[in-house]
Amino acid sequence: MKKYIVDLNEAEISQLRSLTKTGKHKARSITRANILIMASEGYSDNAIASTLRINVSTVERTREKFVLGGLEYALQDRPHPPKPRKLDGKQEAFLV
């Protein structure tokens, strides 16, 4: 039994389909959109994973994120913490 069931309305489905058709989005977002579309059509996690050539845990995480946080939360990456600078201003000036 699946714990997180993806149930999309028509507006969400059309939004996801347009996201997958235009090439202006990140590959991860397009993959996640495809996961949600297939999940709403009733495909199993294993079938989705093998079709999209991804791991089953990716399908499970995306399904969970959609149910807990909604469409935008499921499609977007979480923000990464800023990376510390390798050189300070003086070192950078010397290098340049």
PDB file of N, CA and C in Angstrom:
ATOM      1  N   MET A   1       0.852  -1.190   0.000  1.00  0.00           N
ATOM      2  CA  MET A   1       0.000   0.000   0.000  1.00  0.00           C
ATOM      3  C   MET A   1       0.891   1.245   0.000  1.00  0.00           C
ATOM      4  N   LYS A   2       0.571   2.173  -0.869  1.00  0.00           N
ATOM      5  CA  LYS A   2       1.353   3.399  -0.967  1.00  0.00           C
ATOM      6  C   LYS A   2       0.915   4.379   0.109  1.00  0.00           C
ATOM      7  N   LYS A   3       1.897   4.972   0.744  1.00  0.00           N
ATOM      8  CA  LYS A   3       1.601   5.911   1.816  1.00  0.00           C
ATOM      9  C   LYS A   3       1.221   7.283   1.264  1.00  0.00           C
ATOM     10  N   TYR A   4       1.917   7.714   0.205  1.00  0.00           N
ATOM     11  CA  TYR A   4       1.683   9.045  -0.363  1.00  0.00           C
ATOM     12  C   TYR A   4       1.061   8.890  -1.747  1.00  0.00           C
ATOM     13  N   ILE A   5      -0.202   9.266  -1.866  1.00  0.00           N
ATOM     14  CA  ILE A   5      -0.932   9.099  -3.120  1.00  0.00           C
ATOM     15  C   ILE A   5      -0.986  10.441  -3.836  1.00  0.00           C
ATOM     16  N   VAL A   6      -0.530  10.454  -5.096  1.00  0.00           N
ATOM     17  CA  VAL A   6      -0.513  11.673  -5.899  1.00  0.00           C
ATOM     18  C   VAL A   6      -1.848  11.787  -6.623  1.00  0.00           C
ATOM     19  N   ASP A   7      -2.585  12.836  -6.331  1.00  0.00           N
ATOM     20  CA  ASP A   7      -3.870  13.092  -6.975  1.00  0.00           C
ATOM     21  C   ASP A   7      -3.831  14.505  -7.552  1.00  0.00           C
ATOM     22  N   LEU A   8      -3.645  14.607  -8.876  1.00  0.00           N
ATOM     23  CA  LEU A   8      -3.505  15.911  -9.528  1.00  0.00           C
ATOM     24  C   LEU A   8      -4.830  16.343 -10.135  1.00  0.00           C
ATOM     25  N   ASN A   9      -5.111  17.652 -10.093  1.00  0.00           N
ATOM     26  CA  ASN A   9      -6.281  18.159 -10.813  1.00  0.00           C
ATOM     27  C   ASN A   9      -5.859  18.542 -12.239  1.00  0.00           C
ATOM     28  N   GLU A  10      -6.824  18.924 -13.060  1.00  0.00           N
ATOM     29  CA  GLU A  10      -6.538  19.210 -14.475  1.00  0.00           C
ATOM     30  C   GLU A  10      -5.532  20.351 -14.641  1.00  0.00           C
ATOM     31  N   ALA A  11      -5.646  21.391 -13.809  1.00  0.00           N
ATOM     32  CA  ALA A  11      -4.732  22.537 -13.911  1.00  0.00           C
ATOM     33  C   ALA A  11      -3.301  22.117 -13.616  1.00  0.00           C
ATOM     34  N   GLU A  12      -3.130  21.291 -12.591  1.00  0.00           N
ATOM     35  CA  GLU A  12      -1.788  20.818 -12.243  1.00  0.00           C
ATOM     36  C   GLU A  12      -1.210  19.931 -13.341  1.00  0.00           C
ATOM     37  N   ILE A  13      -2.035  19.073 -13.913  1.00  0.00           N
ATOM     38  CA  ILE A  13      -1.565  18.198 -14.993  1.00  0.00           C
ATOM     39  C   ILE A  13      -1.134  19.027 -16.196  1.00  0.00           C
ATOM     40  N   SER A  14      -1.927  20.020 -16.578  1.00  0.00           N
ATOM     41  CA  SER A  14      -1.554  20.843 -17.736  1.00  0.00           C
ATOM     42  C   SER A  14      -0.292  21.652 -17.446  1.00  0.00           C
ATOM     43  N   GLN A  15      -0.130  22.118 -16.214  1.00  0.00           N
ATOM     44  CA  GLN A  15       1.084  22.849 -15.833  1.00  0.00           C
ATOM     45  C   GLN A  15       2.311  21.938 -15.939  1.00  0.00           C
ATOM     46  N   LEU A  16       2.183  20.700 -15.455  1.00  0.00           N
ATOM     47  CA  LEU A  16       3.302  19.758 -15.524  1.00  0.00           C
ATOM     48  C   LEU A  16       3.624  19.375 -16.966  1.00  0.00           C
ATOM     49  N   ARG A  17       2.589  19.175 -17.778  1.00  0.00           N
ATOM     50  CA  ARG A  17       2.827  18.813 -19.182  1.00  0.00           C
ATOM     51  C   ARG A  17       3.526  19.947 -19.927  1.00  0.00           C
ATOM     52  N   SER A  18       3.137  21.196 -19.668  1.00  0.00           N
ATOM     53  CA  SER A  18       3.803  22.315 -20.339  1.00  0.00           C
ATOM     54  C   SER A  18       5.243  22.454 -19.848  1.00  0.00           C
ATOM     55  N   LEU A  19       5.489  22.135 -18.576  1.00  0.00           N
ATOM     56  CA  LEU A  19       6.850  22.178 -18.044  1.00  0.00           C
ATOM     57  C   LEU A  19       7.734  21.145 -18.747  1.00  0.00           C
ATOM     58  N   THR A  20       7.184  19.973 -19.034  1.00  0.00           N
ATOM     59  CA  THR A  20       7.986  18.935 -19.679  1.00  0.00           C
ATOM     60  C   THR A  20       8.168  19.188 -21.175  1.00  0.00           C
ATOM     61  N   LYS A  21       7.271  19.957 -21.777  1.00  0.00           N
ATOM     62  CA  LYS A  21       7.359  20.198 -23.226  1.00  0.00           C
ATOM     63  C   LYS A  21       8.366  21.295 -23.578  1.00  0.00           C
ATOM     64  N   THR A  22       8.442  22.350 -22.749  1.00  0.00           N
ATOM     65  CA  THR A  22       9.371  23.438 -23.049  1.00  0.00           C
ATOM     66  C   THR A  22      10.718  23.125 -22.423  1.00  0.00           C
ATOM     67  N   GLY A  23      11.789  23.437 -23.115  1.00  0.00           N
ATOM     68  CA  GLY A  23      13.117  23.089 -22.647  1.00  0.00           C
ATOM     69  C   GLY A  23      13.783  24.170 -21.817  1.00  0.00           C
ATOM     70  N   LYS A  24      13.011  24.927 -21.075  1.00  0.00           N
ATOM     71  CA  LYS A  24      13.562  26.046 -20.318  1.00  0.00           C
ATOM     72  C   LYS A  24      13.685  25.752 -18.824  1.00  0.00           C
ATOM     73  N   HIS A  25      13.588  24.480 -18.456  1.00  0.00           N
ATOM     74  CA  HIS A  25      13.615  24.126 -17.041  1.00  0.00           C
ATOM     75  C   HIS A  25      14.759  23.156 -16.765  1.00  0.00           C
ATOM     76  N   LYS A  26      15.117  23.028 -15.493  1.00  0.00           N
ATOM     77  CA  LYS A  26      16.176  22.108 -15.094  1.00  0.00           C
ATOM     78  C   LYS A  26      15.739  20.668 -15.356  1.00  0.00           C
ATOM     79  N   ALA A  27      16.718  19.829 -15.676  1.00  0.00           N
ATOM     80  CA  ALA A  27      16.425  18.419 -15.948  1.00  0.00           C
ATOM     81  C   ALA A  27      15.777  17.748 -14.732  1.00  0.00           C
ATOM     82  N   ARG A  28      16.214  18.118 -13.543  1.00  0.00           N
ATOM     83  CA  ARG A  28      15.621  17.529 -12.333  1.00  0.00           C
ATOM     84  C   ARG A  28      14.148  17.883 -12.216  1.00  0.00           C
ATOM     85  N   SER A  29      13.811  19.146 -12.517  1.00  0.00           N
ATOM     86  CA  SER A  29      12.410  19.566 -12.425  1.00  0.00           C
ATOM     87  C   SER A  29      11.557  18.826 -13.444  1.00  0.00           C
ATOM     88  N   ILE A  30      12.090  18.633 -14.645  1.00  0.00           N
ATOM     89  CA  ILE A  30      11.352  17.909 -15.690  1.00  0.00           C
ATOM     90  C   ILE A  30      11.148  16.455 -15.268  1.00  0.00           C
ATOM     91  N   THR A  31      12.191  15.846 -14.704  1.00  0.00           N
ATOM     92  CA  THR A  31      12.065  14.463 -14.232  1.00  0.00           C
ATOM     93  C   THR A  31      11.018  14.364 -13.139  1.00  0.00           C
ATOM     94  N   ARG A  32      11.041  15.301 -12.211  1.00  0.00           N
ATOM     95  CA  ARG A  32      10.049  15.288 -11.127  1.00  0.00           C
ATOM     96  C   ARG A  32       8.637  15.485 -11.661  1.00  0.00           C
ATOM     97  N   ALA A  33       8.496  16.346 -12.663  1.00  0.00           N
ATOM     98  CA  ALA A  33       7.177  16.538 -13.273  1.00  0.00           C
ATOM     99  C   ALA A  33       6.693  15.232 -13.907  1.00  0.00           C
ATOM    100  N   ASN A  34       7.586  14.546 -14.615  1.00  0.00           N
ATOM    101  CA  ASN A  34       7.225  13.259 -15.218  1.00  0.00           C
ATOM    102  C   ASN A  34       6.847  12.235 -14.150  1.00  0.00           C
ATOM    103  N   ILE A  35       7.564  12.242 -13.029  1.00  0.00           N
ATOM    104  CA  ILE A  35       7.240  11.333 -11.925  1.00  0.00           C
ATOM    105  C   ILE A  35       5.812  11.581 -11.445  1.00  0.00           C
ATOM    106  N   LEU A  36       5.477  12.864 -11.224  1.00  0.00           N
ATOM    107  CA  LEU A  36       4.144  13.189 -10.703  1.00  0.00           C
ATOM    108  C   LEU A  36       3.048  12.842 -11.702  1.00  0.00           C
ATOM    109  N   ILE A  37       3.297  13.091 -12.988  1.00  0.00           N
ATOM    110  CA  ILE A  37       2.296  12.752 -14.012  1.00  0.00           C
ATOM    111  C   ILE A  37       2.048  11.248 -14.024  1.00  0.00           C
ATOM    112  N   MET A  38       3.130  10.469 -14.056  1.00  0.00           N
ATOM    113  CA  MET A  38       2.982   9.012 -14.109  1.00  0.00           C
ATOM    114  C   MET A  38       2.352   8.469 -12.829  1.00  0.00           C
ATOM    115  N   ALA A  39       2.713   9.060 -11.687  1.00  0.00           N
ATOM    116  CA  ALA A  39       2.145   8.605 -10.417  1.00  0.00           C
ATOM    117  C   ALA A  39       0.645   8.869 -10.367  1.00  0.00           C
ATOM    118  N   SER A  40       0.223  10.006 -10.910  1.00  0.00           N
ATOM    119  CA  SER A  40      -1.208  10.319 -10.906  1.00  0.00           C
ATOM    120  C   SER A  40      -1.980   9.426 -11.867  1.00  0.00           C
ATOM    121  N   GLU A  41      -1.282   8.894 -12.882  1.00  0.00           N
ATOM    122  CA  GLU A  41      -1.924   7.978 -13.832  1.00  0.00           C
ATOM    123  C   GLU A  41      -1.972   6.549 -13.311  1.00  0.00           C
ATOM    124  N   GLY A  42      -1.396   6.313 -12.138  1.00  0.00           N
ATOM    125  CA  GLY A  42      -1.523   5.006 -11.510  1.00  0.00           C
ATOM    126  C   GLY A  42      -0.361   4.051 -11.737  1.00  0.00           C
ATOM    127  N   TYR A  43       0.736   4.513 -12.293  1.00  0.00           N
ATOM    128  CA  TYR A  43       1.897   3.645 -12.475  1.00  0.00           C
ATOM    129  C   TYR A  43       2.532   3.342 -11.122  1.00  0.00           C
ATOM    130  N   SER A  44       3.151   2.166 -11.012  1.00  0.00           N
ATOM    131  CA  SER A  44       3.841   1.812  -9.770  1.00  0.00           C
ATOM    132  C   SER A  44       5.180   2.543  -9.704  1.00  0.00           C
ATOM    133  N   ASP A  45       5.727   2.630  -8.507  1.00  0.00           N
ATOM    134  CA  ASP A  45       7.019   3.300  -8.330  1.00  0.00           C
ATOM    135  C   ASP A  45       8.107   2.614  -9.154  1.00  0.00           C
ATOM    136  N   ASN A  46       8.086   1.285  -9.185  1.00  0.00           N
ATOM    137  CA  ASN A  46       9.089   0.552  -9.956  1.00  0.00           C
ATOM    138  C   ASN A  46       8.960   0.827 -11.449  1.00  0.00           C
ATOM    139  N   ALA A  47       7.735   0.907 -11.955  1.00  0.00           N
ATOM    140  CA  ALA A  47       7.517   1.184 -13.378  1.00  0.00           C
ATOM    141  C   ALA A  47       7.989   2.593 -13.729  1.00  0.00           C
ATOM    142  N   ILE A  48       7.696   3.551 -12.869  1.00  0.00           N
ATOM    143  CA  ILE A  48       8.127   4.936 -13.100  1.00  0.00           C
ATOM    144  C   ILE A  48       9.649   5.003 -13.112  1.00  0.00           C
ATOM    145  N   ALA A  49      10.283   4.355 -12.127  1.00  0.00           N
ATOM    146  CA  ALA A  49      11.732   4.390 -12.014  1.00  0.00           C
ATOM    147  C   ALA A  49      12.404   3.770 -13.234  1.00  0.00           C
ATOM    148  N   SER A  50      11.894   2.651 -13.708  1.00  0.00           N
ATOM    149  CA  SER A  50      12.532   2.010 -14.858  1.00  0.00           C
ATOM    150  C   SER A  50      12.269   2.785 -16.145  1.00  0.00           C
ATOM    151  N   THR A  51      11.100   3.381 -16.285  1.00  0.00           N
ATOM    152  CA  THR A  51      10.792   4.172 -17.477  1.00  0.00           C
ATOM    153  C   THR A  51      11.668   5.418 -17.558  1.00  0.00           C
ATOM    154  N   LEU A  52      11.819   6.120 -16.439  1.00  0.00           N
ATOM    155  CA  LEU A  52      12.583   7.362 -16.419  1.00  0.00           C
ATOM    156  C   LEU A  52      14.066   7.149 -16.122  1.00  0.00           C
ATOM    157  N   ARG A  53      14.457   5.897 -15.890  1.00  0.00           N
ATOM    158  CA  ARG A  53      15.847   5.536 -15.590  1.00  0.00           C
ATOM    159  C   ARG A  53      16.373   6.281 -14.362  1.00  0.00           C
ATOM    160  N   ILE A  54      15.606   6.193 -13.297  1.00  0.00           N
ATOM    161  CA  ILE A  54      15.993   6.784 -12.019  1.00  0.00           C
ATOM    162  C   ILE A  54      15.806   5.743 -10.933  1.00  0.00           C
ATOM    163  N   ASN A  55      16.235   6.061  -9.728  1.00  0.00           N
ATOM    164  CA  ASN A  55      16.105   5.145  -8.609  1.00  0.00           C
ATOM    165  C   ASN A  55      14.692   5.215  -8.025  1.00  0.00           C
ATOM    166  N   VAL A  56      14.235   4.107  -7.472  1.00  0.00           N
ATOM    167  CA  VAL A  56      12.896   4.054  -6.879  1.00  0.00           C
ATOM    168  C   VAL A  56      12.783   5.042  -5.721  1.00  0.00           C
ATOM    169  N   SER A  57      13.867   5.248  -4.973  1.00  0.00           N
ATOM    170  CA  SER A  57      13.810   6.171  -3.835  1.00  0.00           C
ATOM    171  C   SER A  57      13.546   7.609  -4.305  1.00  0.00           C
ATOM    172  N   THR A  58      14.008   7.956  -5.514  1.00  0.00           N
ATOM    173  CA  THR A  58      13.719   9.283  -6.066  1.00  0.00           C
ATOM    174  C   THR A  58      12.215   9.446  -6.286  1.00  0.00           C
ATOM    175  N   VAL A  59      11.588   8.403  -6.802  1.00  0.00           N
ATOM    176  CA  VAL A  59      10.130   8.428  -7.019  1.00  0.00           C
ATOM    177  C   VAL A  59       9.416   8.570  -5.686  1.00  0.00           C
ATOM    178  N   GLU A  60       9.849   7.799  -4.700  1.00  0.00           N
ATOM    179  CA  GLU A  60       9.199   7.848  -3.381  1.00  0.00           C
ATOM    180  C   GLU A  60       9.350   9.226  -2.735  1.00  0.00           C
ATOM    181  N   ARG A  61      10.559   9.804  -2.823  1.00  0.00           N
ATOM    182  CA  ARG A  61      10.788  11.131  -2.236  1.00  0.00           C
ATOM    183  C   ARG A  61       9.948  12.195  -2.928  1.00  0.00           C
ATOM    184  N   THR A  62       9.874  12.142  -4.255  1.00  0.00           N
ATOM    185  CA  THR A  62       9.107  13.139  -5.002  1.00  0.00           C
ATOM    186  C   THR A  62       7.626  13.030  -4.661  1.00  0.00           C
ATOM    187  N   ARG A  63       7.124  11.820  -4.579  1.00  0.00           N
ATOM    188  CA  ARG A  63       5.721  11.583  -4.207  1.00  0.00           C
ATOM    189  C   ARG A  63       5.456  12.138  -2.807  1.00  0.00           C
ATOM    190  N   GLU A  64       6.365  11.880  -1.876  1.00  0.00           N
ATOM    191  CA  GLU A  64       6.210  12.372  -0.505  1.00  0.00           C
ATOM    192  C   GLU A  64       6.231  13.898  -0.457  1.00  0.00           C
ATOM    193  N   LYS A  65       7.179  14.517  -1.183  1.00  0.00           N
ATOM    194  CA  LYS A  65       7.272  15.977  -1.184  1.00  0.00           C
ATOM    195  C   LYS A  65       6.007  16.616  -1.755  1.00  0.00           C
ATOM    196  N   PHE A  66       5.414  15.997  -2.778  1.00  0.00           N
ATOM    197  CA  PHE A  66       4.183  16.540  -3.356  1.00  0.00           C
ATOM    198  C   PHE A  66       3.048  16.508  -2.339  1.00  0.00           C
ATOM    199  N   VAL A  67       2.883  15.368  -1.676  1.00  0.00           N
ATOM    200  CA  VAL A  67       1.773  15.231  -0.727  1.00  0.00           C
ATOM    201  C   VAL A  67       1.946  16.168   0.468  1.00  0.00           C
ATOM    202  N   LEU A  68       3.190  16.319   0.936  1.00  0.00           N
ATOM    203  CA  LEU A  68       3.424  17.148   2.127  1.00  0.00           C
ATOM    204  C   LEU A  68       3.472  18.639   1.816  1.00  0.00           C
ATOM    205  N   GLY A  69       4.045  19.020   0.646  1.00  0.00           N
ATOM    206  CA  GLY A  69       4.279  20.437   0.405  1.00  0.00           C
ATOM    207  C   GLY A  69       3.652  21.022  -0.838  1.00  0.00           C
ATOM    208  N   GLY A  70       3.028  20.206  -1.670  1.00  0.00           N
ATOM    209  CA  GLY A  70       2.396  20.736  -2.868  1.00  0.00           C
ATOM    210  C   GLY A  70       3.290  20.653  -4.094  1.00  0.00           C
ATOM    211  N   LEU A  71       2.772  21.162  -5.196  1.00  0.00           N
ATOM    212  CA  LEU A  71       3.417  21.022  -6.499  1.00  0.00           C
ATOM    213  C   LEU A  71       4.764  21.732  -6.572  1.00  0.00           C
ATOM    214  N   GLU A  72       4.800  23.016  -6.192  1.00  0.00           N
ATOM    215  CA  GLU A  72       6.056  23.774  -6.299  1.00  0.00           C
ATOM    216  C   GLU A  72       7.146  23.174  -5.418  1.00  0.00           C
ATOM    217  N   TYR A  73       6.785  22.740  -4.226  1.00  0.00           N
ATOM    218  CA  TYR A  73       7.746  22.144  -3.301  1.00  0.00           C
ATOM    219  C   TYR A  73       8.339  20.861  -3.884  1.00  0.00           C
ATOM    220  N   ALA A  74       7.518  20.080  -4.574  1.00  0.00           N
ATOM    221  CA  ALA A  74       7.985  18.815  -5.147  1.00  0.00           C
ATOM    222  C   ALA A  74       8.902  19.041  -6.344  1.00  0.00           C
ATOM    223  N   LEU A  75       8.705  20.133  -7.082  1.00  0.00           N
ATOM    224  CA  LEU A  75       9.487  20.358  -8.301  1.00  0.00           C
ATOM    225  C   LEU A  75      10.819  21.047  -8.043  1.00  0.00           C
ATOM    226  N   GLN A  76      10.913  21.860  -7.007  1.00  0.00           N
ATOM    227  CA  GLN A  76      12.107  22.684  -6.791  1.00  0.00           C
ATOM    228  C   GLN A  76      13.143  21.973  -5.934  1.00  0.00           C
ATOM    229  N   ASP A  77      14.421  22.305  -6.173  1.00  0.00           N
ATOM    230  CA  ASP A  77      15.495  21.848  -5.295  1.00  0.00           C
ATOM    231  C   ASP A  77      15.449  22.670  -4.017  1.00  0.00           C
ATOM    232  N   ARG A  78      15.887  22.063  -2.937  1.00  0.00           N
ATOM    233  CA  ARG A  78      15.993  22.867  -1.719  1.00  0.00           C
ATOM    234  C   ARG A  78      17.219  23.755  -1.845  1.00  0.00           C
ATOM    235  N   PRO A  79      17.202  24.930  -1.255  1.00  0.00           N
ATOM    236  CA  PRO A  79      18.363  25.821  -1.389  1.00  0.00           C
ATOM    237  C   PRO A  79      19.588  25.213  -0.718  1.00  0.00           C
ATOM    238  N   HIS A  80      20.726  25.348  -1.373  1.00  0.00           N
ATOM    239  CA  HIS A  80      21.978  24.833  -0.834  1.00  0.00           C
ATOM    240  C   HIS A  80      22.657  25.929  -0.015  1.00  0.00           C
ATOM    241  N   PRO A  81      23.359  25.543   1.041  1.00  0.00           N
ATOM    242  CA  PRO A  81      24.048  26.560   1.838  1.00  0.00           C
ATOM    243  C   PRO A  81      25.179  27.191   1.030  1.00  0.00           C
ATOM    244  N   PRO A  82      25.502  28.461   1.292  1.00  0.00           N
ATOM    245  CA  PRO A  82      26.573  29.111   0.533  1.00  0.00           C
ATOM    246  C   PRO A  82      27.918  28.445   0.820  1.00  0.00           C
ATOM    247  N   LYS A  83      28.758  28.391  -0.190  1.00  0.00           N
ATOM    248  CA  LYS A  83      30.073  27.770  -0.036  1.00  0.00           C
ATOM    249  C   LYS A  83      31.061  28.803   0.516  1.00  0.00           C
ATOM    250  N   PRO A  84      31.932  28.382   1.428  1.00  0.00           N
ATOM    251  CA  PRO A  84      32.924  29.326   1.945  1.00  0.00           C
ATOM    252  C   PRO A  84      33.942  29.694   0.860  1.00  0.00           C
ATOM    253  N   ARG A  85      34.429  30.922   0.902  1.00  0.00           N
ATOM    254  CA  ARG A  85      35.410  31.380  -0.082  1.00  0.00           C
ATOM    255  C   ARG A  85      36.740  30.680   0.144  1.00  0.00           C
ATOM    256  N   LYS A  86      37.406  30.315  -0.949  1.00  0.00           N
ATOM    257  CA  LYS A  86      38.708  29.667  -0.840  1.00  0.00           C
ATOM    258  C   LYS A  86      39.821  30.691  -0.632  1.00  0.00           C
ATOM    259  N   LEU A  87      39.653  31.878  -1.203  1.00  0.00           N
ATOM    260  CA  LEU A  87      40.655  32.938  -1.076  1.00  0.00           C
ATOM    261  C   LEU A  87      40.010  34.177  -0.472  1.00  0.00           C
ATOM    262  N   ASP A  88      40.765  34.905   0.350  1.00  0.00           N
ATOM    263  CA  ASP A  88      40.257  36.193   0.815  1.00  0.00           C
ATOM    264  C   ASP A  88      40.596  37.262  -0.233  1.00  0.00           C
ATOM    265  N   GLY A  89      40.187  38.474   0.012  1.00  0.00           N
ATOM    266  CA  GLY A  89      40.371  39.545  -0.975  1.00  0.00           C
ATOM    267  C   GLY A  89      41.831  39.773  -1.348  1.00  0.00           C
ATOM    268  N   LYS A  90      42.720  39.739  -0.376  1.00  0.00           N
ATOM    269  CA  LYS A  90      44.144  39.965  -0.619  1.00  0.00           C
ATOM    270  C   LYS A  90      44.733  38.856  -1.501  1.00  0.00           C
ATOM    271  N   GLN A  91      44.402  37.621  -1.167  1.00  0.00           N
ATOM    272  CA  GLN A  91      44.904  36.474  -1.945  1.00  0.00           C
ATOM    273  C   GLN A  91      44.389  36.524  -3.378  1.00  0.00           C
ATOM    274  N   GLU A  92      43.097  36.876  -3.528  1.00  0.00           N
ATOM    275  CA  GLU A  92      42.501  36.965  -4.865  1.00  0.00           C
ATOM    276  C   GLU A  92      43.180  38.050  -5.681  1.00  0.00           C
ATOM    277  N   ALA A  93      43.452  39.216  -5.067  1.00  0.00           N
ATOM    278  CA  ALA A  93      44.129  40.304  -5.766  1.00  0.00           C
ATOM    279  C   ALA A  93      45.537  39.890  -6.198  1.00  0.00           C
ATOM    280  N   PHE A  94      46.227  39.157  -5.333  1.00  0.00           N
ATOM    281  CA  PHE A  94      47.571  38.694  -5.658  1.00  0.00           C
ATOM    282  C   PHE A  94      47.535  37.728  -6.854  1.00  0.00           C
ATOM    283  N   LEU A  95      46.532  36.863  -6.846  1.00  0.00           N
ATOM    284  CA  LEU A  95      46.404  35.859  -7.912  1.00  0.00           C
ATOM    285  C   LEU A  95      46.122  36.525  -9.253  1.00  0.00           C
ATOM    286  N   VAL A  96      45.279  37.526  -9.252  1.00  0.00           N
ATOM    287  CA  VAL A  96      44.913  38.225 -10.488  1.00  0.00           C
ATOM    288  C   VAL A  96      46.069  39.113 -10.900  1.00  0.00           C
TER     289      VAL A  96
END
